Amino acid sequence: MNSLKSEDTALYYCAGGSMASIASMYDYWGQGTQVTVSS
């Protein structure tokens, strides 16, 4: 992740089993890692 913006602040999840844009299509999920971008 380069040129980070404040709008990128979120809990980021890794998911497996698909590359679709719909979360319900995925079979496996991590627990997340927090990214916080300060302004």
PDB file of all heavy atoms in Angstrom:
ATOM      1  N   MET A   1       0.844  -1.180   0.000  1.00  0.00           N
ATOM      2  CA  MET A   1       0.000   0.000   0.000  1.00  0.00           C
ATOM      3  C   MET A   1       0.884   1.236   0.000  1.00  0.00           C
ATOM      4  O   MET A   1       1.632   1.473   0.954  1.00  0.00           O
ATOM      5  CB  MET A   1      -0.923   0.009   1.219  1.00  0.00           C
ATOM      6  CG  MET A   1      -1.771  -1.252   1.350  1.00  0.00           C
ATOM      7  SD  MET A   1      -2.954  -1.158   2.718  1.00  0.00           S
ATOM      8  CE  MET A   1      -1.815  -1.103   4.100  1.00  0.00           C
ATOM      9  N   ASN A   2       0.807   2.016  -1.065  1.00  0.00           N
ATOM     10  CA  ASN A   2       1.574   3.249  -1.201  1.00  0.00           C
ATOM     11  C   ASN A   2       0.629   4.446  -1.255  1.00  0.00           C
ATOM     12  O   ASN A   2      -0.563   4.304  -1.515  1.00  0.00           O
ATOM     13  CB  ASN A   2       2.428   3.217  -2.469  1.00  0.00           C
ATOM     14  CG  ASN A   2       3.451   2.115  -2.464  1.00  0.00           C
ATOM     15  OD1 ASN A   2       4.004   1.761  -1.424  1.00  0.00           O
ATOM     16  ND2 ASN A   2       3.722   1.560  -3.647  1.00  0.00           N
ATOM     17  N   SER A   3       1.181   5.625  -1.044  1.00  0.00           N
ATOM     18  CA  SER A   3       0.412   6.876  -1.112  1.00  0.00           C
ATOM     19  C   SER A   3      -0.865   6.780  -0.289  1.00  0.00           C
ATOM     20  O   SER A   3      -1.957   7.127  -0.745  1.00  0.00           O
ATOM     21  CB  SER A   3       0.095   7.223  -2.573  1.00  0.00           C
ATOM     22  OG  SER A   3       1.274   7.365  -3.326  1.00  0.00           O
ATOM     23  N   LEU A   4      -0.735   6.327   0.937  1.00  0.00           N
ATOM     24  CA  LEU A   4      -1.897   6.079   1.777  1.00  0.00           C
ATOM     25  C   LEU A   4      -2.644   7.364   2.107  1.00  0.00           C
ATOM     26  O   LEU A   4      -2.035   8.420   2.301  1.00  0.00           O
ATOM     27  CB  LEU A   4      -1.483   5.366   3.058  1.00  0.00           C
ATOM     28  CG  LEU A   4      -1.202   3.875   2.872  1.00  0.00           C
ATOM     29  CD1 LEU A   4      -0.380   3.335   4.038  1.00  0.00           C
ATOM     30  CD2 LEU A   4      -2.507   3.099   2.730  1.00  0.00           C
ATOM     31  N   LYS A   5      -3.965   7.241   2.159  1.00  0.00           N
ATOM     32  CA  LYS A   5      -4.861   8.341   2.462  1.00  0.00           C
ATOM     33  C   LYS A   5      -5.633   8.032   3.736  1.00  0.00           C
ATOM     34  O   LYS A   5      -5.764   6.874   4.128  1.00  0.00           O
ATOM     35  CB  LYS A   5      -5.847   8.561   1.307  1.00  0.00           C
ATOM     36  CG  LYS A   5      -5.220   8.759  -0.050  1.00  0.00           C
ATOM     37  CD  LYS A   5      -6.285   8.817  -1.139  1.00  0.00           C
ATOM     38  CE  LYS A   5      -5.673   8.988  -2.506  1.00  0.00           C
ATOM     39  NZ  LYS A   5      -6.712   9.017  -3.571  1.00  0.00           N
ATOM     40  N   SER A   6      -6.188   9.060   4.358  1.00  0.00           N
ATOM     41  CA  SER A   6      -6.985   8.842   5.558  1.00  0.00           C
ATOM     42  C   SER A   6      -8.173   7.924   5.281  1.00  0.00           C
ATOM     43  O   SER A   6      -8.589   7.163   6.165  1.00  0.00           O
ATOM     44  CB  SER A   6      -7.464  10.170   6.137  1.00  0.00           C
ATOM     45  OG  SER A   6      -8.263  10.882   5.206  1.00  0.00           O
ATOM     46  N   GLU A   7      -8.702   7.956   4.057  1.00  0.00           N
ATOM     47  CA  GLU A   7      -9.822   7.099   3.677  1.00  0.00           C
ATOM     48  C   GLU A   7      -9.462   5.616   3.661  1.00  0.00           C
ATOM     49  O   GLU A   7     -10.352   4.765   3.600  1.00  0.00           O
ATOM     50  CB  GLU A   7     -10.359   7.482   2.289  1.00  0.00           C
ATOM     51  CG  GLU A   7     -10.671   8.954   2.123  1.00  0.00           C
ATOM     52  CD  GLU A   7      -9.526   9.723   1.503  1.00  0.00           C
ATOM     53  OE1 GLU A   7      -8.637  10.156   2.260  1.00  0.00           O
ATOM     54  OE2 GLU A   7      -9.525   9.904   0.263  1.00  0.00           O
ATOM     55  N   ASP A   8      -8.162   5.278   3.695  1.00  0.00           N
ATOM     56  CA  ASP A   8      -7.721   3.890   3.721  1.00  0.00           C
ATOM     57  C   ASP A   8      -7.754   3.289   5.117  1.00  0.00           C
ATOM     58  O   ASP A   8      -7.514   2.086   5.276  1.00  0.00           O
ATOM     59  CB  ASP A   8      -6.306   3.768   3.159  1.00  0.00           C
ATOM     60  CG  ASP A   8      -6.205   4.195   1.701  1.00  0.00           C
ATOM     61  OD1 ASP A   8      -7.105   3.833   0.909  1.00  0.00           O
ATOM     62  OD2 ASP A   8      -5.231   4.886   1.353  1.00  0.00           O
ATOM     63  N   THR A   9      -8.019   4.094   6.130  1.00  0.00           N
ATOM     64  CA  THR A   9      -8.077   3.597   7.501  1.00  0.00           C
ATOM     65  C   THR A   9      -9.188   2.571   7.643  1.00  0.00           C
ATOM     66  O   THR A   9     -10.350   2.849   7.340  1.00  0.00           O
ATOM     67  CB  THR A   9      -8.298   4.753   8.481  1.00  0.00           C
ATOM     68  OG1 THR A   9      -7.165   5.625   8.457  1.00  0.00           O
ATOM     69  CG2 THR A   9      -8.485   4.238   9.903  1.00  0.00           C
ATOM     70  N   ALA A  10      -8.834   1.366   8.085  1.00  0.00           N
ATOM     71  CA  ALA A  10      -9.800   0.276   8.191  1.00  0.00           C
ATOM     72  C   ALA A  10      -9.119  -0.938   8.812  1.00  0.00           C
ATOM     73  O   ALA A  10      -7.892  -0.990   8.945  1.00  0.00           O
ATOM     74  CB  ALA A  10     -10.366  -0.102   6.825  1.00  0.00           C
ATOM     75  N   LEU A  11      -9.934  -1.922   9.161  1.00  0.00           N
ATOM     76  CA  LEU A  11      -9.445  -3.246   9.507  1.00  0.00           C
ATOM     77  C   LEU A  11      -9.352  -4.045   8.209  1.00  0.00           C
ATOM     78  O   LEU A  11     -10.354  -4.201   7.511  1.00  0.00           O
ATOM     79  CB  LEU A  11     -10.385  -3.921  10.499  1.00  0.00           C
ATOM     80  CG  LEU A  11      -9.923  -5.240  11.113  1.00  0.00           C
ATOM     81  CD1 LEU A  11      -8.681  -5.027  11.970  1.00  0.00           C
ATOM     82  CD2 LEU A  11     -11.039  -5.850  11.949  1.00  0.00           C
ATOM     83  N   TYR A  12      -8.162  -4.518   7.889  1.00  0.00           N
ATOM     84  CA  TYR A  12      -7.923  -5.221   6.631  1.00  0.00           C
ATOM     85  C   TYR A  12      -7.937  -6.727   6.848  1.00  0.00           C
ATOM     86  O   TYR A  12      -7.249  -7.248   7.728  1.00  0.00           O
ATOM     87  CB  TYR A  12      -6.581  -4.799   6.028  1.00  0.00           C
ATOM     88  CG  TYR A  12      -6.646  -3.463   5.335  1.00  0.00           C
ATOM     89  CD1 TYR A  12      -6.784  -2.292   6.073  1.00  0.00           C
ATOM     90  CD2 TYR A  12      -6.583  -3.367   3.948  1.00  0.00           C
ATOM     91  CE1 TYR A  12      -6.865  -1.060   5.445  1.00  0.00           C
ATOM     92  CE2 TYR A  12      -6.656  -2.142   3.316  1.00  0.00           C
ATOM     93  CZ  TYR A  12      -6.796  -0.991   4.063  1.00  0.00           C
ATOM     94  OH  TYR A  12      -6.869   0.231   3.435  1.00  0.00           O
ATOM     95  N   TYR A  13      -8.712  -7.423   6.019  1.00  0.00           N
ATOM     96  CA  TYR A  13      -8.880  -8.865   6.119  1.00  0.00           C
ATOM     97  C   TYR A  13      -8.331  -9.567   4.893  1.00  0.00           C
ATOM     98  O   TYR A  13      -8.550  -9.121   3.767  1.00  0.00           O
ATOM     99  CB  TYR A  13     -10.358  -9.241   6.224  1.00  0.00           C
ATOM    100  CG  TYR A  13     -11.062  -8.781   7.475  1.00  0.00           C
ATOM    101  CD1 TYR A  13     -11.724  -7.561   7.511  1.00  0.00           C
ATOM    102  CD2 TYR A  13     -11.082  -9.584   8.607  1.00  0.00           C
ATOM    103  CE1 TYR A  13     -12.386  -7.147   8.650  1.00  0.00           C
ATOM    104  CE2 TYR A  13     -11.746  -9.170   9.749  1.00  0.00           C
ATOM    105  CZ  TYR A  13     -12.398  -7.952   9.766  1.00  0.00           C
ATOM    106  OH  TYR A  13     -13.056  -7.541  10.891  1.00  0.00           O
ATOM    107  N   CYS A  14      -7.670 -10.669   5.109  1.00  0.00           N
ATOM    108  CA  CYS A  14      -7.288 -11.591   4.060  1.00  0.00           C
ATOM    109  C   CYS A  14      -8.395 -12.628   3.902  1.00  0.00           C
ATOM    110  O   CYS A  14      -8.956 -13.095   4.893  1.00  0.00           O
ATOM    111  CB  CYS A  14      -5.970 -12.265   4.426  1.00  0.00           C
ATOM    112  SG  CYS A  14      -5.343 -13.446   3.223  1.00  0.00           S
ATOM    113  N   ALA A  15      -8.731 -12.979   2.663  1.00  0.00           N
ATOM    114  CA  ALA A  15      -9.784 -13.945   2.397  1.00  0.00           C
ATOM    115  C   ALA A  15      -9.351 -14.902   1.308  1.00  0.00           C
ATOM    116  O   ALA A  15      -8.628 -14.523   0.380  1.00  0.00           O
ATOM    117  CB  ALA A  15     -11.068 -13.226   1.977  1.00  0.00           C
ATOM    118  N   GLY A  16      -9.816 -16.151   1.394  1.00  0.00           N
ATOM    119  CA  GLY A  16      -9.444 -17.160   0.424  1.00  0.00           C
ATOM    120  C   GLY A  16     -10.629 -17.905  -0.142  1.00  0.00           C
ATOM    121  O   GLY A  16     -11.671 -18.009   0.490  1.00  0.00           O
ATOM    122  N   GLY A  17     -10.451 -18.428  -1.355  1.00  0.00           N
ATOM    123  CA  GLY A  17     -11.453 -19.235  -2.014  1.00  0.00           C
ATOM    124  C   GLY A  17     -12.093 -18.595  -3.219  1.00  0.00           C
ATOM    125  O   GLY A  17     -12.857 -19.244  -3.926  1.00  0.00           O
ATOM    126  N   SER A  18     -11.812 -17.320  -3.459  1.00  0.00           N
ATOM    127  CA  SER A  18     -12.396 -16.586  -4.571  1.00  0.00           C
ATOM    128  C   SER A  18     -11.562 -15.345  -4.824  1.00  0.00           C
ATOM    129  O   SER A  18     -10.664 -15.016  -4.044  1.00  0.00           O
ATOM    130  CB  SER A  18     -13.851 -16.209  -4.261  1.00  0.00           C
ATOM    131  OG  SER A  18     -14.444 -15.514  -5.337  1.00  0.00           O
ATOM    132  N   MET A  19     -11.835 -14.648  -5.903  1.00  0.00           N
ATOM    133  CA  MET A  19     -11.341 -13.297  -6.104  1.00  0.00           C
ATOM    134  C   MET A  19     -12.473 -12.380  -6.532  1.00  0.00           C
ATOM    135  O   MET A  19     -12.259 -11.340  -7.140  1.00  0.00           O
ATOM    136  CB  MET A  19     -10.176 -13.248  -7.107  1.00  0.00           C
ATOM    137  CG  MET A  19     -10.441 -13.837  -8.471  1.00  0.00           C
ATOM    138  SD  MET A  19      -8.932 -13.844  -9.506  1.00  0.00           S
ATOM    139  CE  MET A  19      -8.586 -12.092  -9.627  1.00  0.00           C
ATOM    140  N   ALA A  20     -13.691 -12.759  -6.170  1.00  0.00           N
ATOM    141  CA  ALA A  20     -14.870 -11.952  -6.434  1.00  0.00           C
ATOM    142  C   ALA A  20     -14.937 -10.775  -5.474  1.00  0.00           C
ATOM    143  O   ALA A  20     -14.318 -10.770  -4.404  1.00  0.00           O
ATOM    144  CB  ALA A  20     -16.130 -12.803  -6.309  1.00  0.00           C
ATOM    145  N   SER A  21     -15.720  -9.778  -5.832  1.00  0.00           N
ATOM    146  CA  SER A  21     -15.847  -8.573  -5.023  1.00  0.00           C
ATOM    147  C   SER A  21     -16.928  -8.683  -3.952  1.00  0.00           C
ATOM    148  O   SER A  21     -17.125  -7.731  -3.191  1.00  0.00           O
ATOM    149  CB  SER A  21     -16.133  -7.363  -5.918  1.00  0.00           C
ATOM    150  OG  SER A  21     -17.347  -7.521  -6.622  1.00  0.00           O
ATOM    151  N   ILE A  22     -17.599  -9.829  -3.855  1.00  0.00           N
ATOM    152  CA  ILE A  22     -18.673 -10.042  -2.892  1.00  0.00           C
ATOM    153  C   ILE A  22     -18.148 -10.887  -1.746  1.00  0.00           C
ATOM    154  O   ILE A  22     -17.693 -12.015  -1.950  1.00  0.00           O
ATOM    155  CB  ILE A  22     -19.887 -10.722  -3.541  1.00  0.00           C
ATOM    156  CG1 ILE A  22     -20.336  -9.933  -4.779  1.00  0.00           C
ATOM    157  CG2 ILE A  22     -21.021 -10.867  -2.546  1.00  0.00           C
ATOM    158  CD1 ILE A  22     -20.757  -8.518  -4.481  1.00  0.00           C
ATOM    159  N   ALA A  23     -18.247 -10.388  -0.526  1.00  0.00           N
ATOM    160  CA  ALA A  23     -17.662 -11.063   0.624  1.00  0.00           C
ATOM    161  C   ALA A  23     -18.256 -12.447   0.856  1.00  0.00           C
ATOM    162  O   ALA A  23     -17.555 -13.358   1.304  1.00  0.00           O
ATOM    163  CB  ALA A  23     -17.828 -10.198   1.871  1.00  0.00           C
ATOM    164  N   SER A  24     -19.533 -12.643   0.547  1.00  0.00           N
ATOM    165  CA  SER A  24     -20.188 -13.920   0.797  1.00  0.00           C
ATOM    166  C   SER A  24     -19.657 -15.049  -0.080  1.00  0.00           C
ATOM    167  O   SER A  24     -19.956 -16.213   0.178  1.00  0.00           O
ATOM    168  CB  SER A  24     -21.700 -13.787   0.609  1.00  0.00           C
ATOM    169  OG  SER A  24     -22.018 -13.425  -0.724  1.00  0.00           O
ATOM    170  N   MET A  25     -18.871 -14.740  -1.097  1.00  0.00           N
ATOM    171  CA  MET A  25     -18.309 -15.748  -1.980  1.00  0.00           C
ATOM    172  C   MET A  25     -17.068 -16.426  -1.406  1.00  0.00           C
ATOM    173  O   MET A  25     -16.577 -17.394  -1.988  1.00  0.00           O
ATOM    174  CB  MET A  25     -17.943 -15.127  -3.325  1.00  0.00           C
ATOM    175  CG  MET A  25     -19.130 -14.557  -4.097  1.00  0.00           C
ATOM    176  SD  MET A  25     -20.335 -15.826  -4.558  1.00  0.00           S
ATOM    177  CE  MET A  25     -19.371 -16.792  -5.713  1.00  0.00           C
ATOM    178  N   TYR A  26     -16.556 -15.962  -0.281  1.00  0.00           N
ATOM    179  CA  TYR A  26     -15.288 -16.447   0.261  1.00  0.00           C
ATOM    180  C   TYR A  26     -15.488 -17.505   1.336  1.00  0.00           C
ATOM    181  O   TYR A  26     -16.389 -17.401   2.176  1.00  0.00           O
ATOM    182  CB  TYR A  26     -14.458 -15.275   0.800  1.00  0.00           C
ATOM    183  CG  TYR A  26     -13.947 -14.421  -0.324  1.00  0.00           C
ATOM    184  CD1 TYR A  26     -14.769 -13.473  -0.915  1.00  0.00           C
ATOM    185  CD2 TYR A  26     -12.667 -14.595  -0.828  1.00  0.00           C
ATOM    186  CE1 TYR A  26     -14.321 -12.715  -1.984  1.00  0.00           C
ATOM    187  CE2 TYR A  26     -12.213 -13.839  -1.887  1.00  0.00           C
ATOM    188  CZ  TYR A  26     -13.043 -12.905  -2.462  1.00  0.00           C
ATOM    189  OH  TYR A  26     -12.596 -12.153  -3.521  1.00  0.00           O
ATOM    190  N   ASP A  27     -14.612 -18.513   1.309  1.00  0.00           N
ATOM    191  CA  ASP A  27     -14.697 -19.635   2.231  1.00  0.00           C
ATOM    192  C   ASP A  27     -13.875 -19.440   3.502  1.00  0.00           C
ATOM    193  O   ASP A  27     -14.215 -20.013   4.549  1.00  0.00           O
ATOM    194  CB  ASP A  27     -14.219 -20.917   1.544  1.00  0.00           C
ATOM    195  CG  ASP A  27     -15.088 -21.315   0.366  1.00  0.00           C
ATOM    196  OD1 ASP A  27     -16.321 -21.154   0.451  1.00  0.00           O
ATOM    197  OD2 ASP A  27     -14.538 -21.804  -0.637  1.00  0.00           O
ATOM    198  N   TYR A  28     -12.793 -18.665   3.426  1.00  0.00           N
ATOM    199  CA  TYR A  28     -11.866 -18.537   4.541  1.00  0.00           C
ATOM    200  C   TYR A  28     -11.509 -17.077   4.781  1.00  0.00           C
ATOM    201  O   TYR A  28     -11.322 -16.306   3.839  1.00  0.00           O
ATOM    202  CB  TYR A  28     -10.586 -19.333   4.266  1.00  0.00           C
ATOM    203  CG  TYR A  28     -10.837 -20.786   3.976  1.00  0.00           C
ATOM    204  CD1 TYR A  28     -10.814 -21.267   2.678  1.00  0.00           C
ATOM    205  CD2 TYR A  28     -11.117 -21.677   5.009  1.00  0.00           C
ATOM    206  CE1 TYR A  28     -11.057 -22.604   2.406  1.00  0.00           C
ATOM    207  CE2 TYR A  28     -11.363 -23.012   4.742  1.00  0.00           C
ATOM    208  CZ  TYR A  28     -11.331 -23.476   3.447  1.00  0.00           C
ATOM    209  OH  TYR A  28     -11.576 -24.793   3.180  1.00  0.00           O
ATOM    210  N   TRP A  29     -11.384 -16.710   6.068  1.00  0.00           N
ATOM    211  CA  TRP A  29     -11.072 -15.346   6.481  1.00  0.00           C
ATOM    212  C   TRP A  29     -10.051 -15.338   7.600  1.00  0.00           C
ATOM    213  O   TRP A  29     -10.083 -16.188   8.495  1.00  0.00           O
ATOM    214  CB  TRP A  29     -12.326 -14.628   6.981  1.00  0.00           C
ATOM    215  CG  TRP A  29     -13.350 -14.388   5.935  1.00  0.00           C
ATOM    216  CD1 TRP A  29     -14.356 -15.221   5.563  1.00  0.00           C
ATOM    217  CD2 TRP A  29     -13.466 -13.220   5.120  1.00  0.00           C
ATOM    218  NE1 TRP A  29     -15.099 -14.651   4.559  1.00  0.00           N
ATOM    219  CE2 TRP A  29     -14.580 -13.428   4.274  1.00  0.00           C
ATOM    220  CE3 TRP A  29     -12.751 -12.026   5.018  1.00  0.00           C
ATOM    221  CZ2 TRP A  29     -14.986 -12.472   3.337  1.00  0.00           C
ATOM    222  CZ3 TRP A  29     -13.150 -11.079   4.094  1.00  0.00           C
ATOM    223  CH2 TRP A  29     -14.262 -11.310   3.267  1.00  0.00           C
ATOM    224  N   GLY A  30      -9.142 -14.354   7.555  1.00  0.00           N
ATOM    225  CA  GLY A  30      -8.306 -14.069   8.698  1.00  0.00           C
ATOM    226  C   GLY A  30      -9.051 -13.204   9.698  1.00  0.00           C
ATOM    227  O   GLY A  30     -10.206 -12.817   9.489  1.00  0.00           O
ATOM    228  N   GLN A  31      -8.387 -12.878  10.809  1.00  0.00           N
ATOM    229  CA  GLN A  31      -9.018 -12.079  11.856  1.00  0.00           C
ATOM    230  C   GLN A  31      -8.802 -10.584  11.687  1.00  0.00           C
ATOM    231  O   GLN A  31      -9.395  -9.796  12.417  1.00  0.00           O
ATOM    232  CB  GLN A  31      -8.520 -12.529  13.233  1.00  0.00           C
ATOM    233  CG  GLN A  31      -8.905 -13.959  13.560  1.00  0.00           C
ATOM    234  CD  GLN A  31      -8.903 -14.246  15.042  1.00  0.00           C
ATOM    235  OE1 GLN A  31      -9.268 -13.391  15.857  1.00  0.00           O
ATOM    236  NE2 GLN A  31      -8.500 -15.451  15.392  1.00  0.00           N
ATOM    237  N   GLY A  32      -7.978 -10.186  10.738  1.00  0.00           N
ATOM    238  CA  GLY A  32      -7.814  -8.785  10.407  1.00  0.00           C
ATOM    239  C   GLY A  32      -6.580  -8.152  11.019  1.00  0.00           C
ATOM    240  O   GLY A  32      -6.087  -8.582  12.062  1.00  0.00           O
ATOM    241  N   THR A  33      -6.077  -7.116  10.354  1.00  0.00           N
ATOM    242  CA  THR A  33      -4.995  -6.292  10.875  1.00  0.00           C
ATOM    243  C   THR A  33      -5.369  -4.828  10.657  1.00  0.00           C
ATOM    244  O   THR A  33      -5.840  -4.450   9.586  1.00  0.00           O
ATOM    245  CB  THR A  33      -3.647  -6.654  10.214  1.00  0.00           C
ATOM    246  OG1 THR A  33      -2.584  -5.919  10.833  1.00  0.00           O
ATOM    247  CG2 THR A  33      -3.645  -6.378   8.718  1.00  0.00           C
ATOM    248  N   GLN A  34      -5.172  -4.007  11.679  1.00  0.00           N
ATOM    249  CA  GLN A  34      -5.629  -2.621  11.645  1.00  0.00           C
ATOM    250  C   GLN A  34      -4.627  -1.736  10.923  1.00  0.00           C
ATOM    251  O   GLN A  34      -3.425  -1.767  11.212  1.00  0.00           O
ATOM    252  CB  GLN A  34      -5.842  -2.090  13.068  1.00  0.00           C
ATOM    253  CG  GLN A  34      -6.289  -0.635  13.133  1.00  0.00           C
ATOM    254  CD  GLN A  34      -7.677  -0.423  12.570  1.00  0.00           C
ATOM    255  OE1 GLN A  34      -8.580  -1.241  12.787  1.00  0.00           O
ATOM    256  NE2 GLN A  34      -7.860   0.674  11.834  1.00  0.00           N
ATOM    257  N   VAL A  35      -5.130  -0.926   9.990  1.00  0.00           N
ATOM    258  CA  VAL A  35      -4.347   0.103   9.319  1.00  0.00           C
ATOM    259  C   VAL A  35      -4.967   1.448   9.653  1.00  0.00           C
ATOM    260  O   VAL A  35      -6.152   1.667   9.409  1.00  0.00           O
ATOM    261  CB  VAL A  35      -4.316  -0.104   7.792  1.00  0.00           C
ATOM    262  CG1 VAL A  35      -3.656   1.087   7.093  1.00  0.00           C
ATOM    263  CG2 VAL A  35      -3.591  -1.392   7.447  1.00  0.00           C
ATOM    264  N   THR A  36      -4.173   2.342  10.223  1.00  0.00           N
ATOM    265  CA  THR A  36      -4.638   3.677  10.568  1.00  0.00           C
ATOM    266  C   THR A  36      -3.742   4.700   9.892  1.00  0.00           C
ATOM    267  O   THR A  36      -2.528   4.696  10.091  1.00  0.00           O
ATOM    268  CB  THR A  36      -4.633   3.891  12.082  1.00  0.00           C
ATOM    269  OG1 THR A  36      -5.455   2.906  12.713  1.00  0.00           O
ATOM    270  CG2 THR A  36      -5.162   5.276  12.430  1.00  0.00           C
ATOM    271  N   VAL A  37      -4.338   5.577   9.100  1.00  0.00           N
ATOM    272  CA  VAL A  37      -3.607   6.607   8.370  1.00  0.00           C
ATOM    273  C   VAL A  37      -3.951   7.954   8.993  1.00  0.00           C
ATOM    274  O   VAL A  37      -5.111   8.369   8.988  1.00  0.00           O
ATOM    275  CB  VAL A  37      -3.950   6.600   6.877  1.00  0.00           C
ATOM    276  CG1 VAL A  37      -3.110   7.637   6.138  1.00  0.00           C
ATOM    277  CG2 VAL A  37      -3.734   5.215   6.288  1.00  0.00           C
ATOM    278  N   SER A  38      -2.958   8.633   9.528  1.00  0.00           N
ATOM    279  CA  SER A  38      -3.166   9.920  10.170  1.00  0.00           C
ATOM    280  C   SER A  38      -3.014  11.052   9.161  1.00  0.00           C
ATOM    281  O   SER A  38      -2.236  10.954   8.207  1.00  0.00           O
ATOM    282  CB  SER A  38      -2.188  10.114  11.325  1.00  0.00           C
ATOM    283  OG  SER A  38      -0.850  10.118  10.865  1.00  0.00           O
ATOM    284  N   SER A  39      -3.743  12.127   9.382  1.00  0.00           N
ATOM    285  CA  SER A  39      -3.695  13.285   8.501  1.00  0.00           C
ATOM    286  C   SER A  39      -2.904  14.414   9.126  1.00  0.00           C
ATOM    287  O   SER A  39      -2.458  14.330  10.270  1.00  0.00           O
ATOM    288  CB  SER A  39      -5.106  13.755   8.158  1.00  0.00           C
ATOM    289  OG  SER A  39      -5.824  14.084   9.330  1.00  0.00           O
TER     290      SER A  39
END
